Each structure stands twice: as C-alpha cells, then as structure tokens.
Amino acid sequence: MIPISKPNIGEEELHQVSLVFKSGWLGMGSVVFEFEKALKSYLNAKHVIAVNTGTSALHIALSALDIKQGDEVIVPSLTYIATVQAILACGAIPKFCDIEENTLNIDLQDVKKQMNSQVRAIIPVHYGGLPCNMDALLKYAHENGIFVIEDAAHAFGSTYNNKKIGSFGDITCFSFDPIKNITCGEGGCVALSNDELAQKIITQRILGIDKDTWQRYKHQRSWFYNVVMPGFRYHMSNINAAIGLVQLQKVDQFIKKRKEIIQKYDQALSDVEGIELLYRDYEQTAPFNYIIKIKHCLRDKLLNFLNNNAIGAGVHYIPNHFHPLFKKYKTHLPITEKVFEQILSLPLYTDLTGAEIAYVITKIQEFYLKKDAQ
C-alpha cells in the first residue's frame, strides 16, 4: 500500500534522541530552548513557545486571550476536529463559517455574516499549507477589536507576501505531529510578537509556574517555585525537540520535494475530465496535502478504486458541523457541504518515489477510462 502520508525520519534524528537519553534530562530543558531559538530564526518570529501538540498550541493561545464560557470563536467547519476541540476546551462556542470553493480557505465574506458582539476571535486555517488572505482578515478583525489565531498546522514553511507564516499577525499555532511538514514525533508551537501574551503562554504551558523546570534544577533553590496562574502540562520534552532540531535542518528540501510532487500531479491530472484542481500557489505554499475535487458524484467510487489498488486515499475532512457533538450548532454552509462531497486526498510525502507517483496517476486515468466511471 502506498500510504497517504508518512514522516521522513532516519538515523540523524535517532542520534539526536540518543544524546538526550545520555544526558539523562528527558523533559523540558536546554534542547527545547535550542529548538525554540532555531524556530524563531527560521520563522523570523519575536517569540516562539514550544508545546506538546498543535492542539495544545491552539488551546493555550485561546486561554492566553481569556477566551471563556459564552464567548464565540469563528472557525471554518472544514478543519480537523482538533481546531474546534481547542475552542470547546475554553468553554467557548464554535461559530462555524464557510470557505472559498477554489482554495478551501476561510471565506471572509461569510465571516462578516457570522460576526456579533459575542465573537472574541477568528481562527483561519491555512488549508493544505495555502495561506489565507491575511491582510484582509487581520484588517477586519482589528477593526472589530478581536484577535486572529492562525491554525497553521498545515503551513509550516509557507509564506504570505514573502513573509513566513508565523512572522506577523496576532498569534500563529503550528503542529509537529508525525505527518506534518516537519515532525517532533508529537509537538507544536505558538509564534507571536506580543510580549505580555508570550510571557503568559510561557507560564501557562507548565502549570502556571513562574519559572521553567530547567531553571529550577540548576541547584538554585531547586525545591522552590511559585504558581502564579492556572496552567496546563503542555510543555515539550527534550526528546521531541531533538527530533525537531534535525527536521528543521531538512525542511527546505522537504518543501522542495513536496512542491515537485504536487506539480507532477497537477500536470498529469489537469486534462482528466471529471477532475477539478484547486488553486495552487507553488511559490508561497509549503504543501501539506494534495487535494483534488471529483465531479459527477464519483468521489467515493474513485476512493474505493484507489484503495483497492493499494493506494492510500482519503477525505480531509468531515465538516465539523456534521458531527453529533455539534448538532446544537447546526448550520447550513453551502460551499463546505458541496466540496465535502467532492474532495479527495492523494498520497503526498517526501519519500514518495517517481514510480509511485506515476502509478497513482495511471490508476486514476485508468478509472476514468472504465465505462462505469462515466
């Protein structure tokens, strides 16, 4: 089976983890701080705080903004459940909005329709790594006195107007889970420029303690600590940071390879009647996944055909407003509901070989040559 995604990890990552094992300091410490410093340099961000998952990054960002029960947060329904669970974890209400049909990114016009006095924040999702229209989103949000928390789980390495996602805006949250553009095994980070919010997140990520554990274990009153606010156990470990440090050195070659793959797919599939390609920005996007739209109600047929021919294919994602958990927030989102019936994810990862790409393309073409696909 050609999987739909998989990490690119090897001996270099294993060696760095072995050094952490030898140090005896497995939790948060100097390796985490080194990783944060490297992330700040790569992203050109003022503050980067490493956490244990991308979901934690979103939750702690919302918490730092004092998003609480009764507040509303506008979020596209077409996103992974983690985005919305972070909102629920604060006791807030997800206010689902629609997306643009050709990008699958948040639709600002629908955001404006959802706006009311209870809305405290907007969470745009840079779907597939393609940046949202951040200039317009930030301008609108700031005019209305609310924050923008970017869900950039798909977009590590992407740029917007030649600026790295994470280097501007209010707060940007990344994920480093096993299948993201770089991985820490598990992990995430929050990037921002606001000093006060950054300090709050740093304190909250380790149980509201005012000094991190590394400082406490330097034989300087190592038993002493102050708890100054409610917090979480969201800090990253040295083990995960060690993996991330190696991955960060490879990220540009990872992005280059992913771009080459999506361009091969686009070239081969652009002439296939029955397939509609999404808008791509090859220059600014660090692609996380590869999505096509299948016409004529044939998406599930093609998905099953590919799976039966040892090709991983899937659907990203089931719109959140379809899930039982959110039935009380049920709404009609015409574009989201339309594209959900069409979107199909094809294999995309850096180790995907030319032969495997050709096989995927050939099988799709074969499907459309079969009479039962017409």
Protein backbone atom coordinates (compact mmCIF):
# COMPACT_ATOMS: atom_id res chain seq x y z
CA MET A 1 0.00 0.00 0.00
CA ILE A 2 1.24 3.48 -0.87
CA PRO A 3 0.24 5.42 2.27
CA ILE A 4 -1.45 8.77 2.07
CA SER A 5 1.30 10.29 4.24
CA LYS A 6 4.28 9.28 6.35
CA PRO A 7 7.16 11.00 8.16
CA ASN A 8 10.69 11.29 6.79
CA ILE A 9 12.90 10.34 9.74
CA GLY A 10 16.19 8.47 9.99
CA GLU A 11 19.50 7.94 11.74
CA GLU A 12 20.18 11.65 12.30
CA GLU A 13 17.01 12.06 14.36
CA LEU A 14 17.77 8.84 16.24
CA HIS A 15 21.29 10.07 17.05
CA GLN A 16 19.99 13.35 18.49
CA VAL A 17 17.46 11.49 20.62
CA SER A 18 20.25 9.19 21.87
CA LEU A 19 22.18 12.28 23.05
CA VAL A 20 19.14 13.33 25.08
CA PHE A 21 18.98 9.84 26.60
CA LYS A 22 22.66 10.04 27.53
CA SER A 23 22.14 13.45 29.15
CA GLY A 24 19.54 11.99 31.50
CA TRP A 25 17.33 15.07 31.04
CA LEU A 26 14.31 13.86 29.08
CA GLY A 27 11.80 16.57 29.97
CA MET A 28 11.79 20.24 29.04
CA GLY A 29 15.28 21.69 29.12
CA SER A 30 18.10 23.10 27.03
CA VAL A 31 17.20 21.16 23.87
CA VAL A 32 13.69 22.63 23.91
CA PHE A 33 15.12 26.12 24.29
CA GLU A 34 17.57 25.46 21.45
CA PHE A 35 14.67 24.31 19.25
CA GLU A 36 12.67 27.44 20.13
CA LYS A 37 15.66 29.60 19.21
CA ALA A 38 16.03 27.79 15.86
CA LEU A 39 12.29 28.18 15.18
CA LYS A 40 12.46 31.91 15.93
CA SER A 41 15.28 32.26 13.42
CA TYR A 42 13.54 30.21 10.73
CA LEU A 43 10.17 31.92 11.13
CA ASN A 44 11.62 35.39 11.83
CA ALA A 45 9.30 35.50 14.85
CA LYS A 46 9.83 37.51 18.03
CA HIS A 47 8.56 34.78 20.37
CA VAL A 48 8.18 31.02 19.81
CA ILE A 49 6.93 28.78 22.62
CA ALA A 50 7.21 25.04 22.07
CA VAL A 51 4.38 22.84 23.38
CA ASN A 52 3.49 19.17 23.31
CA THR A 53 0.88 19.20 20.48
CA GLY A 54 -0.65 21.51 17.91
CA THR A 55 -3.96 21.20 19.75
CA SER A 56 -2.29 22.44 22.94
CA ALA A 57 -0.90 25.38 20.96
CA LEU A 58 -4.40 26.42 19.91
CA HIS A 59 -5.88 25.90 23.37
CA ILE A 60 -3.17 27.81 25.20
CA ALA A 61 -3.40 30.68 22.69
CA LEU A 62 -7.14 30.94 23.29
CA SER A 63 -6.59 30.70 27.04
CA ALA A 64 -3.97 33.46 26.98
CA LEU A 65 -6.57 35.71 25.36
CA ASP A 66 -9.00 34.85 28.18
CA ILE A 67 -11.47 33.24 25.79
CA LYS A 68 -14.04 31.74 28.14
CA GLN A 69 -17.53 30.34 28.55
CA GLY A 70 -20.09 32.21 26.47
CA ASP A 71 -17.53 33.69 24.10
CA GLU A 72 -17.76 32.77 20.42
CA VAL A 73 -14.91 31.95 18.04
CA ILE A 74 -15.42 31.95 14.28
CA VAL A 75 -13.82 28.92 12.64
CA PRO A 76 -14.26 27.11 9.32
CA SER A 77 -16.12 23.83 9.65
CA LEU A 78 -13.76 22.14 7.17
CA THR A 79 -10.87 21.56 9.53
CA TYR A 80 -9.61 18.74 11.73
CA ILE A 81 -11.57 18.31 14.94
CA ALA A 82 -8.55 19.47 16.98
CA THR A 83 -9.16 23.09 15.97
CA VAL A 84 -12.66 23.02 17.37
CA GLN A 85 -11.85 20.94 20.45
CA ALA A 86 -9.44 23.70 21.49
CA ILE A 87 -12.35 26.15 21.41
CA LEU A 88 -14.55 23.81 23.46
CA ALA A 89 -11.73 23.30 25.98
CA CYS A 90 -12.05 27.00 26.86
CA GLY A 91 -15.81 26.66 27.32
CA ALA A 92 -16.31 28.86 24.25
CA ILE A 93 -18.73 28.34 21.36
CA PRO A 94 -17.51 27.48 17.86
CA LYS A 95 -19.27 29.63 15.26
CA PHE A 96 -18.83 27.75 12.01
CA CYS A 97 -18.24 29.66 8.80
CA ASP A 98 -17.96 28.76 5.13
CA ILE A 99 -14.93 28.52 2.87
CA GLU A 100 -13.82 29.59 -0.59
CA GLU A 101 -14.59 26.94 -3.18
CA ASN A 102 -11.30 27.13 -5.07
CA THR A 103 -8.92 27.33 -2.08
CA LEU A 104 -10.84 25.65 0.80
CA ASN A 105 -9.66 28.56 2.97
CA ILE A 106 -11.88 30.71 5.19
CA ASP A 107 -14.37 32.97 3.38
CA LEU A 108 -14.09 36.48 4.80
CA GLN A 109 -17.49 37.44 3.44
CA ASP A 110 -19.11 34.65 5.45
CA VAL A 111 -17.02 35.61 8.49
CA LYS A 112 -18.62 39.05 8.30
CA LYS A 113 -22.08 37.44 8.26
CA GLN A 114 -21.25 35.44 11.41
CA MET A 115 -19.92 38.43 13.36
CA ASN A 116 -21.72 39.57 16.51
CA SER A 117 -20.86 41.08 19.89
CA GLN A 118 -20.05 37.68 21.45
CA VAL A 119 -17.28 36.89 18.94
CA ARG A 120 -13.84 37.22 20.56
CA ALA A 121 -11.58 35.66 17.94
CA ILE A 122 -11.29 34.23 14.44
CA ILE A 123 -9.33 31.05 13.69
CA PRO A 124 -8.47 30.85 9.99
CA VAL A 125 -6.98 27.54 8.81
CA HIS A 126 -4.24 27.68 6.18
CA TYR A 127 -5.73 24.64 4.48
CA GLY A 128 -3.19 22.34 2.85
CA GLY A 129 -0.49 24.95 3.51
CA LEU A 130 -2.04 27.61 1.25
CA PRO A 131 -2.05 30.91 3.18
CA CYS A 132 -5.37 32.65 3.76
CA ASN A 133 -5.86 36.29 2.77
CA MET A 134 -4.26 37.51 5.97
CA ASP A 135 -4.16 41.22 5.13
CA ALA A 136 -7.93 41.36 4.75
CA LEU A 137 -8.59 39.08 7.75
CA LEU A 138 -6.33 41.00 10.12
CA LYS A 139 -7.69 44.35 8.96
CA TYR A 140 -11.29 43.24 9.52
CA ALA A 141 -10.56 41.60 12.88
CA HIS A 142 -8.66 44.58 14.25
CA GLU A 143 -11.36 46.98 13.11
CA ASN A 144 -13.74 44.90 15.23
CA GLY A 145 -11.42 44.63 18.23
CA ILE A 146 -10.86 40.87 18.03
CA PHE A 147 -7.83 38.63 17.64
CA VAL A 148 -6.83 36.29 14.83
CA ILE A 149 -5.33 32.95 15.89
CA GLU A 150 -3.91 31.25 12.81
CA ASP A 151 -4.22 27.48 12.67
CA ALA A 152 -1.05 26.88 10.67
CA ALA A 153 -0.85 23.15 11.39
CA HIS A 154 -0.64 22.59 7.61
CA ALA A 155 1.52 25.60 6.83
CA PHE A 156 4.94 25.35 8.44
CA GLY A 157 7.30 26.88 5.88
CA SER A 158 4.59 28.67 3.87
CA THR A 159 4.93 32.38 3.13
CA TYR A 160 2.48 35.22 2.63
CA ASN A 161 3.65 38.29 0.69
CA ASN A 162 7.18 36.92 1.09
CA LYS A 163 6.85 36.77 4.89
CA LYS A 164 6.88 33.45 6.72
CA ILE A 165 3.58 32.38 8.22
CA GLY A 166 4.24 32.93 11.93
CA SER A 167 6.31 36.10 11.47
CA PHE A 168 3.39 38.53 11.56
CA GLY A 169 -0.21 38.65 12.72
CA ASP A 170 -1.52 38.15 16.24
CA ILE A 171 -0.86 34.50 17.16
CA THR A 172 0.13 31.57 14.94
CA CYS A 173 -0.11 27.93 16.00
CA PHE A 174 1.85 25.10 14.37
CA SER A 175 1.73 21.32 14.68
CA PHE A 176 4.71 18.97 14.54
CA ASP A 177 2.84 15.67 14.67
CA PRO A 178 4.17 12.64 12.71
CA ILE A 179 2.78 13.62 9.29
CA LYS A 180 3.28 17.40 9.26
CA ASN A 181 5.85 19.25 7.13
CA ILE A 182 8.33 18.69 9.95
CA THR A 183 7.75 16.39 12.89
CA CYS A 184 8.86 16.19 16.51
CA GLY A 185 7.08 12.84 16.90
CA GLU A 186 4.46 14.94 18.67
CA GLY A 187 4.63 18.64 19.29
CA GLY A 188 3.63 22.13 18.33
CA CYS A 189 4.46 25.75 18.95
CA VAL A 190 2.95 29.20 19.32
CA ALA A 191 4.55 32.14 17.45
CA LEU A 192 3.70 35.74 18.33
CA SER A 193 5.16 39.21 18.88
CA ASN A 194 3.16 40.42 21.92
CA ASP A 195 5.49 40.30 24.95
CA GLU A 196 2.74 40.12 27.58
CA LEU A 197 0.84 37.31 25.85
CA ALA A 198 4.09 35.41 25.23
CA GLN A 199 5.01 35.52 28.91
CA LYS A 200 1.52 34.34 29.85
CA ILE A 201 1.78 31.36 27.47
CA ILE A 202 5.28 30.50 28.76
CA THR A 203 3.90 30.41 32.31
CA GLN A 204 0.69 28.59 31.46
CA ARG A 205 2.40 25.83 29.47
CA ILE A 206 3.94 24.43 32.66
CA LEU A 207 1.17 24.53 35.23
CA GLY A 208 1.25 28.27 35.88
CA ILE A 209 4.73 28.10 37.45
CA ASP A 210 6.64 31.34 37.07
CA LYS A 211 9.99 29.68 36.28
CA ASP A 212 10.57 26.75 33.95
CA THR A 213 11.86 23.44 35.29
CA TRP A 214 15.30 23.85 33.75
CA GLN A 215 15.91 26.96 35.85
CA ARG A 216 14.58 25.22 38.96
CA TYR A 217 17.08 22.38 38.62
CA LYS A 218 20.26 24.46 38.46
CA HIS A 219 20.88 23.97 42.19
CA GLN A 220 19.49 27.42 42.86
CA ARG A 221 16.72 26.81 45.42
CA SER A 222 15.72 23.87 43.20
CA TRP A 223 12.87 22.96 45.53
CA PHE A 224 11.27 26.40 45.26
CA TYR A 225 8.62 27.54 42.78
CA ASN A 226 5.74 29.99 42.58
CA VAL A 227 2.41 29.18 40.96
CA VAL A 228 1.00 32.46 39.71
CA MET A 229 -1.90 31.47 37.41
CA PRO A 230 -3.92 28.46 36.25
CA GLY A 231 -1.95 26.44 33.75
CA PHE A 232 -1.50 23.20 31.84
CA ARG A 233 1.04 20.45 31.37
CA TYR A 234 1.69 21.43 27.75
CA HIS A 235 5.47 21.80 27.62
CA MET A 236 7.58 20.00 25.02
CA SER A 237 10.20 17.42 26.04
CA ASN A 238 13.88 17.38 25.08
CA ILE A 239 13.21 14.11 23.24
CA ASN A 240 10.68 15.70 20.91
CA ALA A 241 12.74 18.86 20.48
CA ALA A 242 15.78 16.80 19.47
CA ILE A 243 13.81 15.29 16.59
CA GLY A 244 12.53 18.75 15.63
CA LEU A 245 16.00 20.28 15.52
CA VAL A 246 17.12 17.75 12.90
CA GLN A 247 13.89 18.08 10.94
CA LEU A 248 14.23 21.86 10.86
CA GLN A 249 17.58 21.50 9.08
CA LYS A 250 15.82 19.47 6.36
CA VAL A 251 12.62 21.48 5.99
CA ASP A 252 13.61 23.39 2.86
CA GLN A 253 14.45 20.19 0.98
CA PHE A 254 11.21 18.62 2.26
CA ILE A 255 9.21 21.57 0.91
CA LYS A 256 11.05 21.47 -2.42
CA LYS A 257 10.24 17.77 -2.86
CA ARG A 258 6.59 18.23 -1.90
CA LYS A 259 6.24 21.07 -4.41
CA GLU A 260 7.73 18.89 -7.15
CA ILE A 261 5.21 16.15 -6.38
CA ILE A 262 2.14 18.39 -6.44
CA GLN A 263 3.29 19.94 -9.72
CA LYS A 264 3.59 16.46 -11.25
CA TYR A 265 0.09 15.62 -10.05
CA ASP A 266 -1.33 18.89 -11.37
CA GLN A 267 0.31 18.47 -14.77
CA ALA A 268 -0.94 14.92 -15.20
CA LEU A 269 -4.46 15.43 -13.85
CA SER A 270 -5.32 18.85 -15.32
CA ASP A 271 -6.66 17.26 -18.52
CA VAL A 272 -8.67 14.50 -16.86
CA GLU A 273 -12.35 15.20 -17.44
CA GLY A 274 -14.11 14.67 -14.15
CA ILE A 275 -11.34 16.13 -12.00
CA GLU A 276 -11.17 19.76 -10.89
CA LEU A 277 -7.93 21.10 -9.48
CA LEU A 278 -7.80 23.55 -6.58
CA TYR A 279 -5.98 26.87 -6.80
CA ARG A 280 -2.26 26.37 -6.09
CA ASP A 281 0.40 28.89 -5.22
CA TYR A 282 3.61 26.99 -5.88
CA GLU A 283 5.78 29.87 -4.70
CA GLN A 284 4.26 30.62 -1.30
CA THR A 285 2.80 27.27 -0.24
CA ALA A 286 4.67 24.60 1.68
CA PRO A 287 2.21 21.83 0.73
CA PHE A 288 0.90 19.61 3.50
CA ASN A 289 -1.55 17.53 1.47
CA TYR A 290 -2.74 17.18 -2.11
CA ILE A 291 -6.46 17.59 -2.70
CA ILE A 292 -8.47 17.28 -5.90
CA LYS A 293 -12.19 17.65 -6.46
CA ILE A 294 -14.07 14.80 -8.11
CA LYS A 295 -17.09 15.70 -10.24
CA HIS A 296 -20.27 13.76 -11.06
CA CYS A 297 -20.67 12.17 -7.59
CA LEU A 298 -17.81 9.74 -8.26
CA ARG A 299 -15.56 10.64 -5.29
CA ASP A 300 -16.35 7.57 -3.18
CA LYS A 301 -16.12 5.27 -6.20
CA LEU A 302 -12.66 6.59 -7.06
CA LEU A 303 -11.55 6.49 -3.41
CA ASN A 304 -12.52 2.80 -3.15
CA PHE A 305 -10.91 2.04 -6.52
CA LEU A 306 -7.61 3.57 -5.37
CA ASN A 307 -7.70 1.81 -2.00
CA ASN A 308 -8.39 -1.49 -3.76
CA ASN A 309 -5.32 -0.86 -5.90
CA ALA A 310 -3.02 -0.33 -2.91
CA ILE A 311 -3.13 3.47 -3.00
CA GLY A 312 -3.90 5.39 0.18
CA ALA A 313 -6.59 7.99 -0.46
CA GLY A 314 -8.89 9.77 1.94
CA VAL A 315 -11.06 12.76 2.70
CA HIS A 316 -9.81 15.76 4.70
CA TYR A 317 -12.09 16.47 6.47
CA ILE A 318 -15.61 15.61 7.58
CA PRO A 319 -17.06 19.09 8.27
CA ASN A 320 -17.34 19.61 12.00
CA HIS A 321 -20.93 20.80 11.89
CA PHE A 322 -21.87 17.29 10.66
CA HIS A 323 -20.64 15.62 13.85
CA PRO A 324 -23.11 14.68 16.64
CA LEU A 325 -21.11 16.75 19.14
CA PHE A 326 -22.05 19.94 17.31
CA LYS A 327 -25.67 19.31 16.46
CA LYS A 328 -26.77 22.23 18.64
CA TYR A 329 -24.57 24.47 16.48
CA LYS A 330 -26.01 23.02 13.26
CA THR A 331 -25.88 25.46 10.41
CA HIS A 332 -26.01 25.45 6.62
CA LEU A 333 -22.68 26.07 4.92
CA PRO A 334 -23.35 25.55 1.20
CA ILE A 335 -19.77 25.62 -0.12
CA THR A 336 -18.39 23.44 2.68
CA GLU A 337 -21.16 20.90 2.15
CA LYS A 338 -20.68 20.91 -1.61
CA VAL A 339 -16.90 20.42 -1.56
CA PHE A 340 -17.11 17.75 1.14
CA GLU A 341 -18.86 15.53 -1.40
CA GLN A 342 -16.03 16.17 -3.90
CA ILE A 343 -12.66 16.41 -2.17
CA LEU A 344 -10.18 13.56 -2.31
CA SER A 345 -6.68 13.44 -0.80
CA LEU A 346 -3.91 11.65 -2.69
CA PRO A 347 -0.56 10.43 -1.30
CA LEU A 348 1.90 13.20 -0.53
CA TYR A 349 5.12 12.77 1.43
CA THR A 350 8.79 13.41 0.77
CA ASP A 351 9.76 9.76 0.26
CA LEU A 352 7.14 9.25 -2.47
CA THR A 353 9.06 7.90 -5.47
CA GLY A 354 8.65 8.81 -9.12
CA ALA A 355 7.39 5.30 -9.81
CA GLU A 356 4.78 5.58 -7.05
CA ILE A 357 3.60 8.96 -8.34
CA ALA A 358 3.30 7.53 -11.85
CA TYR A 359 1.36 4.55 -10.50
CA VAL A 360 -1.14 6.79 -8.68
CA ILE A 361 -1.65 8.88 -11.82
CA THR A 362 -2.00 5.82 -14.06
CA LYS A 363 -4.63 4.29 -11.80
CA ILE A 364 -6.67 7.49 -11.75
CA GLN A 365 -6.52 7.69 -15.53
CA GLU A 366 -7.49 4.02 -15.71
CA PHE A 367 -10.51 4.67 -13.51
CA TYR A 368 -11.78 7.36 -15.86
CA LEU A 369 -11.28 5.11 -18.89
CA LYS A 370 -13.53 2.46 -17.36
CA LYS A 371 -17.12 2.57 -18.53
CA ASP A 372 -18.53 2.50 -15.00
CA ALA A 373 -16.81 5.80 -14.25
CA GLN A 374 -18.77 7.67 -16.90
